[in-house]
PDB file of N, CA and C in Angstrom:
ATOM      1  N   MET A   1      -6.379 -36.061  -5.639  1.00  0.00           N
ATOM      2  CA  MET A   1      -6.337 -34.744  -5.033  1.00  0.00           C
ATOM      3  C   MET A   1      -5.062 -34.638  -4.202  1.00  0.00           C
ATOM      4  N   THR A   2      -4.376 -33.525  -4.320  1.00  0.00           N
ATOM      5  CA  THR A   2      -3.139 -33.346  -3.564  1.00  0.00           C
ATOM      6  C   THR A   2      -3.414 -32.603  -2.271  1.00  0.00           C
ATOM      7  N   ASP A   3      -2.583 -32.868  -1.296  1.00  0.00           N
ATOM      8  CA  ASP A   3      -2.697 -32.163  -0.021  1.00  0.00           C
ATOM      9  C   ASP A   3      -1.950 -30.843  -0.111  1.00  0.00           C
ATOM     10  N   LEU A   4      -2.518 -29.830   0.478  1.00  0.00           N
ATOM     11  CA  LEU A   4      -1.852 -28.533   0.542  1.00  0.00           C
ATOM     12  C   LEU A   4      -0.972 -28.528   1.782  1.00  0.00           C
ATOM     13  N   VAL A   5       0.307 -28.317   1.573  1.00  0.00           N
ATOM     14  CA  VAL A   5       1.239 -28.278   2.694  1.00  0.00           C
ATOM     15  C   VAL A   5       1.842 -26.883   2.749  1.00  0.00           C
ATOM     16  N   LEU A   6       1.647 -26.222   3.868  1.00  0.00           N
ATOM     17  CA  LEU A   6       2.215 -24.894   4.055  1.00  0.00           C
ATOM     18  C   LEU A   6       3.345 -24.980   5.061  1.00  0.00           C
ATOM     19  N   LYS A   7       4.429 -24.327   4.741  1.00  0.00           N
ATOM     20  CA  LYS A   7       5.501 -24.234   5.716  1.00  0.00           C
ATOM     21  C   LYS A   7       5.003 -23.398   6.884  1.00  0.00           C
ATOM     22  N   GLU A   8       5.554 -23.667   8.042  1.00  0.00           N
ATOM     23  CA  GLU A   8       5.149 -22.908   9.226  1.00  0.00           C
ATOM     24  C   GLU A   8       5.392 -21.415   9.016  1.00  0.00           C
ATOM     25  N   GLU A   9       6.493 -21.078   8.349  1.00  0.00           N
ATOM     26  CA  GLU A   9       6.812 -19.673   8.086  1.00  0.00           C
ATOM     27  C   GLU A   9       5.735 -19.012   7.227  1.00  0.00           C
ATOM     28  N   THR A  10       5.237 -19.728   6.223  1.00  0.00           N
ATOM     29  CA  THR A  10       4.183 -19.192   5.358  1.00  0.00           C
ATOM     30  C   THR A  10       2.914 -18.950   6.154  1.00  0.00           C
ATOM     31  N   TYR A  11       2.552 -19.895   6.997  1.00  0.00           N
ATOM     32  CA  TYR A  11       1.361 -19.741   7.829  1.00  0.00           C
ATOM     33  C   TYR A  11       1.527 -18.559   8.775  1.00  0.00           C
ATOM     34  N   ASP A  12       2.709 -18.433   9.392  1.00  0.00           N
ATOM     35  CA  ASP A  12       2.967 -17.317  10.303  1.00  0.00           C
ATOM     36  C   ASP A  12       2.835 -15.983   9.590  1.00  0.00           C
ATOM     37  N   ARG A  13       3.353 -15.894   8.378  1.00  0.00           N
ATOM     38  CA  ARG A  13       3.240 -14.645   7.612  1.00  0.00           C
ATOM     39  C   ARG A  13       1.777 -14.338   7.297  1.00  0.00           C
ATOM     40  N   PHE A  14       1.030 -15.362   6.959  1.00  0.00           N
ATOM     41  CA  PHE A  14      -0.386 -15.150   6.676  1.00  0.00           C
ATOM     42  C   PHE A  14      -1.100 -14.611   7.906  1.00  0.00           C
ATOM     43  N   VAL A  15      -0.809 -15.186   9.065  1.00  0.00           N
ATOM     44  CA  VAL A  15      -1.444 -14.733  10.305  1.00  0.00           C
ATOM     45  C   VAL A  15      -1.081 -13.281  10.582  1.00  0.00           C
ATOM     46  N   VAL A  16       0.176 -12.913  10.359  1.00  0.00           N
ATOM     47  CA  VAL A  16       0.597 -11.518  10.556  1.00  0.00           C
ATOM     48  C   VAL A  16      -0.157 -10.608   9.597  1.00  0.00           C
ATOM     49  N   LEU A  17      -0.255 -11.001   8.330  1.00  0.00           N
ATOM     50  CA  LEU A  17      -1.002 -10.194   7.359  1.00  0.00           C
ATOM     51  C   LEU A  17      -2.456 -10.039   7.785  1.00  0.00           C
ATOM     52  N   TYR A  18      -3.054 -11.124   8.214  1.00  0.00           N
ATOM     53  CA  TYR A  18      -4.451 -11.091   8.643  1.00  0.00           C
ATOM     54  C   TYR A  18      -4.624 -10.135   9.820  1.00  0.00           C
ATOM     55  N   ASP A  19      -3.706 -10.207  10.785  1.00  0.00           N
ATOM     56  CA  ASP A  19      -3.783  -9.324  11.949  1.00  0.00           C
ATOM     57  C   ASP A  19      -3.598  -7.863  11.556  1.00  0.00           C
ATOM     58  N   LEU A  20      -2.677  -7.597  10.633  1.00  0.00           N
ATOM     59  CA  LEU A  20      -2.473  -6.221  10.174  1.00  0.00           C
ATOM     60  C   LEU A  20      -3.722  -5.690   9.481  1.00  0.00           C
ATOM     61  N   VAL A  21      -4.352  -6.525   8.679  1.00  0.00           N
ATOM     62  CA  VAL A  21      -5.595  -6.118   8.009  1.00  0.00           C
ATOM     63  C   VAL A  21      -6.664  -5.782   9.041  1.00  0.00           C
ATOM     64  N   GLY A  22      -6.768  -6.591  10.086  1.00  0.00           N
ATOM     65  CA  GLY A  22      -7.736  -6.315  11.151  1.00  0.00           C
ATOM     66  C   GLY A  22      -7.469  -4.987  11.827  1.00  0.00           C
ATOM     67  N   LEU A  23      -6.207  -4.685  12.087  1.00  0.00           N
ATOM     68  CA  LEU A  23      -5.850  -3.410  12.716  1.00  0.00           C
ATOM     69  C   LEU A  23      -6.172  -2.235  11.800  1.00  0.00           C
ATOM     70  N   VAL A  24      -5.882  -2.400  10.511  1.00  0.00           N
ATOM     71  CA  VAL A  24      -6.216  -1.338   9.550  1.00  0.00           C
ATOM     72  C   VAL A  24      -7.721  -1.118   9.527  1.00  0.00           C
ATOM     73  N   GLY A  25      -8.480  -2.203   9.573  1.00  0.00           N
ATOM     74  CA  GLY A  25      -9.938  -2.102   9.611  1.00  0.00           C
ATOM     75  C   GLY A  25     -10.441  -1.356  10.834  1.00  0.00           C
ATOM     76  N   GLU A  26      -9.647  -1.363  11.912  1.00  0.00           N
ATOM     77  CA  GLU A  26     -10.006  -0.638  13.132  1.00  0.00           C
ATOM     78  C   GLU A  26      -9.525   0.809  13.106  1.00  0.00           C
ATOM     79  N   GLY A  27      -8.890   1.217  12.005  1.00  0.00           N
ATOM     80  CA  GLY A  27      -8.465   2.606  11.870  1.00  0.00           C
ATOM     81  C   GLY A  27      -7.006   2.865  12.202  1.00  0.00           C
ATOM     82  N   ILE A  28      -6.248   1.832  12.506  1.00  0.00           N
ATOM     83  CA  ILE A  28      -4.815   1.987  12.761  1.00  0.00           C
ATOM     84  C   ILE A  28      -4.132   1.886  11.406  1.00  0.00           C
ATOM     85  N   ALA A  29      -3.611   3.012  10.907  1.00  0.00           N
ATOM     86  CA  ALA A  29      -3.249   3.020   9.497  1.00  0.00           C
ATOM     87  C   ALA A  29      -1.842   3.523   9.177  1.00  0.00           C
ATOM     88  N   THR A  30      -0.985   3.723  10.180  1.00  0.00           N
ATOM     89  CA  THR A  30       0.387   4.100   9.869  1.00  0.00           C
ATOM     90  C   THR A  30       1.326   2.971  10.258  1.00  0.00           C
ATOM     91  N   GLU A  31       2.466   2.958   9.612  1.00  0.00           N
ATOM     92  CA  GLU A  31       3.440   1.894   9.856  1.00  0.00           C
ATOM     93  C   GLU A  31       3.844   1.822  11.330  1.00  0.00           C
ATOM     94  N   SER A  32       4.140   2.972  11.925  1.00  0.00           N
ATOM     95  CA  SER A  32       4.581   2.966  13.323  1.00  0.00           C
ATOM     96  C   SER A  32       3.465   2.529  14.267  1.00  0.00           C
ATOM     97  N   ALA A  33       2.237   2.957  14.001  1.00  0.00           N
ATOM     98  CA  ALA A  33       1.106   2.555  14.845  1.00  0.00           C
ATOM     99  C   ALA A  33       0.825   1.062  14.703  1.00  0.00           C
ATOM    100  N   LEU A  34       0.939   0.543  13.487  1.00  0.00           N
ATOM    101  CA  LEU A  34       0.742  -0.893  13.273  1.00  0.00           C
ATOM    102  C   LEU A  34       1.824  -1.707  13.980  1.00  0.00           C
ATOM    103  N   ALA A  35       3.072  -1.250  13.883  1.00  0.00           N
ATOM    104  CA  ALA A  35       4.174  -1.961  14.540  1.00  0.00           C
ATOM    105  C   ALA A  35       3.962  -2.001  16.045  1.00  0.00           C
ATOM    106  N   SER A  36       3.546  -0.885  16.599  1.00  0.00           N
ATOM    107  CA  SER A  36       3.309  -0.807  18.043  1.00  0.00           C
ATOM    108  C   SER A  36       2.133  -1.695  18.457  1.00  0.00           C
ATOM    109  N   SER A  37       1.042  -1.621  17.722  1.00  0.00           N
ATOM    110  CA  SER A  37      -0.163  -2.387  18.061  1.00  0.00           C
ATOM    111  C   SER A  37       0.038  -3.890  17.896  1.00  0.00           C
ATOM    112  N   ALA A  38       0.775  -4.282  16.873  1.00  0.00           N
ATOM    113  CA  ALA A  38       0.987  -5.706  16.603  1.00  0.00           C
ATOM    114  C   ALA A  38       2.213  -6.255  17.331  1.00  0.00           C
ATOM    115  N   ARG A  39       2.932  -5.365  18.007  1.00  0.00           N
ATOM    116  CA  ARG A  39       4.173  -5.745  18.717  1.00  0.00           C
ATOM    117  C   ARG A  39       5.168  -6.412  17.771  1.00  0.00           C
ATOM    118  N   LEU A  40       5.346  -5.774  16.619  1.00  0.00           N
ATOM    119  CA  LEU A  40       6.298  -6.240  15.620  1.00  0.00           C
ATOM    120  C   LEU A  40       7.298  -5.130  15.340  1.00  0.00           C
ATOM    121  N   SER A  41       8.435  -5.489  14.771  1.00  0.00           N
ATOM    122  CA  SER A  41       9.396  -4.462  14.380  1.00  0.00           C
ATOM    123  C   SER A  41       8.853  -3.720  13.164  1.00  0.00           C
ATOM    124  N   GLN A  42       9.319  -2.489  12.993  1.00  0.00           N
ATOM    125  CA  GLN A  42       8.867  -1.726  11.831  1.00  0.00           C
ATOM    126  C   GLN A  42       9.351  -2.368  10.538  1.00  0.00           C
ATOM    127  N   ASP A  43      10.489  -3.057  10.570  1.00  0.00           N
ATOM    128  CA  ASP A  43      10.978  -3.744   9.371  1.00  0.00           C
ATOM    129  C   ASP A  43      10.014  -4.834   8.919  1.00  0.00           C
ATOM    130  N   VAL A  44       9.494  -5.602   9.873  1.00  0.00           N
ATOM    131  CA  VAL A  44       8.539  -6.662   9.539  1.00  0.00           C
ATOM    132  C   VAL A  44       7.255  -6.051   8.991  1.00  0.00           C
ATOM    133  N   VAL A  45       6.759  -5.016   9.657  1.00  0.00           N
ATOM    134  CA  VAL A  45       5.534  -4.353   9.196  1.00  0.00           C
ATOM    135  C   VAL A  45       5.757  -3.758   7.812  1.00  0.00           C
ATOM    136  N   ARG A  46       6.898  -3.129   7.595  1.00  0.00           N
ATOM    137  CA  ARG A  46       7.208  -2.529   6.293  1.00  0.00           C
ATOM    138  C   ARG A  46       7.211  -3.601   5.202  1.00  0.00           C
ATOM    139  N   GLN A  47       7.795  -4.761   5.493  1.00  0.00           N
ATOM    140  CA  GLN A  47       7.839  -5.860   4.523  1.00  0.00           C
ATOM    141  C   GLN A  47       6.425  -6.355   4.197  1.00  0.00           C
ATOM    142  N   MET A  48       5.599  -6.524   5.208  1.00  0.00           N
ATOM    143  CA  MET A  48       4.232  -6.999   4.993  1.00  0.00           C
ATOM    144  C   MET A  48       3.404  -5.968   4.223  1.00  0.00           C
ATOM    145  N   LEU A  49       3.568  -4.698   4.568  1.00  0.00           N
ATOM    146  CA  LEU A  49       2.824  -3.654   3.865  1.00  0.00           C
ATOM    147  C   LEU A  49       3.270  -3.544   2.413  1.00  0.00           C
ATOM    148  N   ALA A  50       4.567  -3.720   2.158  1.00  0.00           N
ATOM    149  CA  ALA A  50       5.063  -3.692   0.781  1.00  0.00           C
ATOM    150  C   ALA A  50       4.430  -4.816  -0.036  1.00  0.00           C
ATOM    151  N   PHE A  51       4.311  -5.993   0.560  1.00  0.00           N
ATOM    152  CA  PHE A  51       3.655  -7.111  -0.120  1.00  0.00           C
ATOM    153  C   PHE A  51       2.197  -6.775  -0.411  1.00  0.00           C
ATOM    154  N   MET A  52       1.487  -6.262   0.598  1.00  0.00           N
ATOM    155  CA  MET A  52       0.067  -5.943   0.427  1.00  0.00           C
ATOM    156  C   MET A  52      -0.128  -4.855  -0.621  1.00  0.00           C
ATOM    157  N   LEU A  53       0.764  -3.868  -0.638  1.00  0.00           N
ATOM    158  CA  LEU A  53       0.689  -2.797  -1.628  1.00  0.00           C
ATOM    159  C   LEU A  53       0.945  -3.357  -3.025  1.00  0.00           C
ATOM    160  N   GLY A  54       1.955  -4.217  -3.137  1.00  0.00           N
ATOM    161  CA  GLY A  54       2.283  -4.826  -4.425  1.00  0.00           C
ATOM    162  C   GLY A  54       1.161  -5.684  -4.988  1.00  0.00           C
ATOM    163  N   GLN A  55       0.383  -6.302  -4.106  1.00  0.00           N
ATOM    164  CA  GLN A  55      -0.734  -7.142  -4.535  1.00  0.00           C
ATOM    165  C   GLN A  55      -2.005  -6.333  -4.794  1.00  0.00           C
ATOM    166  N   GLY A  56      -1.962  -5.036  -4.500  1.00  0.00           N
ATOM    167  CA  GLY A  56      -3.145  -4.199  -4.689  1.00  0.00           C
ATOM    168  C   GLY A  56      -4.148  -4.311  -3.562  1.00  0.00           C
ATOM    169  N   TYR A  57      -3.726  -4.886  -2.426  1.00  0.00           N
ATOM    170  CA  TYR A  57      -4.636  -5.052  -1.296  1.00  0.00           C
ATOM    171  C   TYR A  57      -4.862  -3.748  -0.535  1.00  0.00           C
ATOM    172  N   ILE A  58      -3.894  -2.837  -0.608  1.00  0.00           N
ATOM    173  CA  ILE A  58      -4.031  -1.563   0.099  1.00  0.00           C
ATOM    174  C   ILE A  58      -3.605  -0.419  -0.809  1.00  0.00           C
ATOM    175  N   ARG A  59      -4.040   0.769  -0.452  1.00  0.00           N
ATOM    176  CA  ARG A  59      -3.591   2.001  -1.102  1.00  0.00           C
ATOM    177  C   ARG A  59      -3.051   2.901  -0.002  1.00  0.00           C
ATOM    178  N   THR A  60      -2.013   3.666  -0.329  1.00  0.00           N
ATOM    179  CA  THR A  60      -1.406   4.519   0.686  1.00  0.00           C
ATOM    180  C   THR A  60      -1.236   5.941   0.183  1.00  0.00           C
ATOM    181  N   THR A  61      -0.984   6.845   1.134  1.00  0.00           N
ATOM    182  CA  THR A  61      -0.661   8.228   0.826  1.00  0.00           C
ATOM    183  C   THR A  61       0.371   8.697   1.848  1.00  0.00           C
ATOM    184  N   PRO A  62       1.317   9.572   1.448  1.00  0.00           N
ATOM    185  CA  PRO A  62       2.304  10.066   2.411  1.00  0.00           C
ATOM    186  C   PRO A  62       1.628  10.859   3.529  1.00  0.00           C
ATOM    187  N   SER A  63       2.118  10.679   4.762  1.00  0.00           N
ATOM    188  CA  SER A  63       1.557  11.386   5.909  1.00  0.00           C
ATOM    189  C   SER A  63       2.628  11.522   6.989  1.00  0.00           C
ATOM    190  N   ASN A  64       3.065  12.740   7.235  1.00  0.00           N
ATOM    191  CA  ASN A  64       4.062  13.009   8.281  1.00  0.00           C
ATOM    192  C   ASN A  64       5.304  12.126   8.170  1.00  0.00           C
ATOM    193  N   GLY A  65       5.862  12.024   6.998  1.00  0.00           N
ATOM    194  CA  GLY A  65       7.099  11.286   6.820  1.00  0.00           C
ATOM    195  C   GLY A  65       6.953   9.782   6.676  1.00  0.00           C
ATOM    196  N   GLU A  66       5.753   9.255   6.789  1.00  0.00           N
ATOM    197  CA  GLU A  66       5.536   7.833   6.532  1.00  0.00           C
ATOM    198  C   GLU A  66       4.242   7.672   5.750  1.00  0.00           C
ATOM    199  N   PHE A  67       3.962   6.465   5.345  1.00  0.00           N
ATOM    200  CA  PHE A  67       2.764   6.242   4.543  1.00  0.00           C
ATOM    201  C   PHE A  67       1.596   5.826   5.413  1.00  0.00           C
ATOM    202  N   ARG A  68       0.446   6.379   5.099  1.00  0.00           N
ATOM    203  CA  ARG A  68      -0.794   6.049   5.799  1.00  0.00           C
ATOM    204  C   ARG A  68      -1.671   5.252   4.844  1.00  0.00           C
ATOM    205  N   ILE A  69      -2.239   4.176   5.332  1.00  0.00           N
ATOM    206  CA  ILE A  69      -3.122   3.358   4.505  1.00  0.00           C
ATOM    207  C   ILE A  69      -4.455   4.079   4.368  1.00  0.00           C
ATOM    208  N   THR A  70      -4.877   4.269   3.141  1.00  0.00           N
ATOM    209  CA  THR A  70      -6.113   5.012   2.897  1.00  0.00           C
ATOM    210  C   THR A  70      -7.271   4.122   2.476  1.00  0.00           C
ATOM    211  N   ALA A  71      -6.985   2.932   1.979  1.00  0.00           N
ATOM    212  CA  ALA A  71      -8.075   2.056   1.528  1.00  0.00           C
ATOM    213  C   ALA A  71      -7.601   0.616   1.480  1.00  0.00           C
ATOM    214  N   LEU A  72      -8.506  -0.280   1.772  1.00  0.00           N
ATOM    215  CA  LEU A  72      -8.257  -1.707   1.584  1.00  0.00           C
ATOM    216  C   LEU A  72      -8.862  -2.114   0.251  1.00  0.00           C
ATOM    217  N   GLY A  73      -8.216  -3.034  -0.437  1.00  0.00           N
ATOM    218  CA  GLY A  73      -8.780  -3.556  -1.669  1.00  0.00           C
ATOM    219  C   GLY A  73     -10.146  -4.160  -1.401  1.00  0.00           C
ATOM    220  N   SER A  74     -11.037  -4.072  -2.340  1.00  0.00           N
ATOM    221  CA  SER A  74     -12.425  -4.473  -2.119  1.00  0.00           C
ATOM    222  C   SER A  74     -12.582  -5.941  -1.720  1.00  0.00           C
ATOM    223  N   ASP A  75     -11.750  -6.808  -2.258  1.00  0.00           N
ATOM    224  CA  ASP A  75     -11.892  -8.239  -1.977  1.00  0.00           C
ATOM    225  C   ASP A  75     -10.963  -8.734  -0.877  1.00  0.00           C
ATOM    226  N   LEU A  76     -10.145  -7.848  -0.331  1.00  0.00           N
ATOM    227  CA  LEU A  76      -9.111  -8.280   0.600  1.00  0.00           C
ATOM    228  C   LEU A  76      -9.658  -9.007   1.812  1.00  0.00           C
ATOM    229  N   LEU A  77     -10.584  -8.405   2.505  1.00  0.00           N
ATOM    230  CA  LEU A  77     -11.094  -9.030   3.727  1.00  0.00           C
ATOM    231  C   LEU A  77     -11.797 -10.345   3.434  1.00  0.00           C
ATOM    232  N   ARG A  78     -12.568 -10.385   2.359  1.00  0.00           N
ATOM    233  CA  ARG A  78     -13.259 -11.625   1.998  1.00  0.00           C
ATOM    234  C   ARG A  78     -12.245 -12.729   1.671  1.00  0.00           C
ATOM    235  N   GLU A  79     -11.197 -12.394   0.916  1.00  0.00           N
ATOM    236  CA  GLU A  79     -10.167 -13.376   0.579  1.00  0.00           C
ATOM    237  C   GLU A  79      -9.446 -13.863   1.829  1.00  0.00           C
ATOM    238  N   PHE A  80      -9.104 -12.945   2.719  1.00  0.00           N
ATOM    239  CA  PHE A  80      -8.387 -13.324   3.926  1.00  0.00           C
ATOM    240  C   PHE A  80      -9.265 -14.162   4.846  1.00  0.00           C
ATOM    241  N   LEU A  81     -10.518 -13.812   4.974  1.00  0.00           N
ATOM    242  CA  LEU A  81     -11.418 -14.602   5.819  1.00  0.00           C
ATOM    243  C   LEU A  81     -11.586 -16.011   5.264  1.00  0.00           C
ATOM    244  N   GLY A  82     -11.727 -16.122   3.954  1.00  0.00           N
ATOM    245  CA  GLY A  82     -11.851 -17.431   3.323  1.00  0.00           C
ATOM    246  C   GLY A  82     -10.604 -18.271   3.521  1.00  0.00           C
ATOM    247  N   MET A  83      -9.444 -17.664   3.366  1.00  0.00           N
ATOM    248  CA  MET A  83      -8.198 -18.391   3.551  1.00  0.00           C
ATOM    249  C   MET A  83      -8.007 -18.775   5.011  1.00  0.00           C
ATOM    250  N   ARG A  84      -8.387 -17.895   5.914  1.00  0.00           N
ATOM    251  CA  ARG A  84      -8.253 -18.197   7.348  1.00  0.00           C
ATOM    252  C   ARG A  84      -9.123 -19.407   7.710  1.00  0.00           C
ATOM    253  N   ARG A  85     -10.351 -19.449   7.187  1.00  0.00           N
ATOM    254  CA  ARG A  85     -11.231 -20.590   7.447  1.00  0.00           C
ATOM    255  C   ARG A  85     -10.649 -21.873   6.856  1.00  0.00           C
ATOM    256  N   PHE A  86     -10.083 -21.753   5.659  1.00  0.00           N
ATOM    257  CA  PHE A  86      -9.504 -22.907   4.983  1.00  0.00           C
ATOM    258  C   PHE A  86      -8.328 -23.476   5.774  1.00  0.00           C
ATOM    259  N   LEU A  87      -7.508 -22.597   6.352  1.00  0.00           N
ATOM    260  CA  LEU A  87      -6.317 -23.040   7.068  1.00  0.00           C
ATOM    261  C   LEU A  87      -6.612 -23.558   8.464  1.00  0.00           C
ATOM    262  N   SER A  88      -7.750 -23.167   9.032  1.00  0.00           N
ATOM    263  CA  SER A  88      -8.021 -23.592  10.413  1.00  0.00           C
ATOM    264  C   SER A  88      -8.752 -24.917  10.481  1.00  0.00           C
TER     265      SER A  88
END
């Protein structure tokens, strides 16, 4: 059996994604609101949201000049919770 080794950067990105998912679950659904709530730059939030959108984890719709998250993928929270438990 091989050991799973994650770079610190990979783990940090996962934690950011997990936190963003939690905020979306609380109803914070725009890029600017997520950046403010997570205390991250909008560039970082935009990059993470692009990844989540590309993976089918979220769906968005245009809203006042930016995109608003309208739905989380059905398995997203379960997958993230499982991975979070695995990494801790």
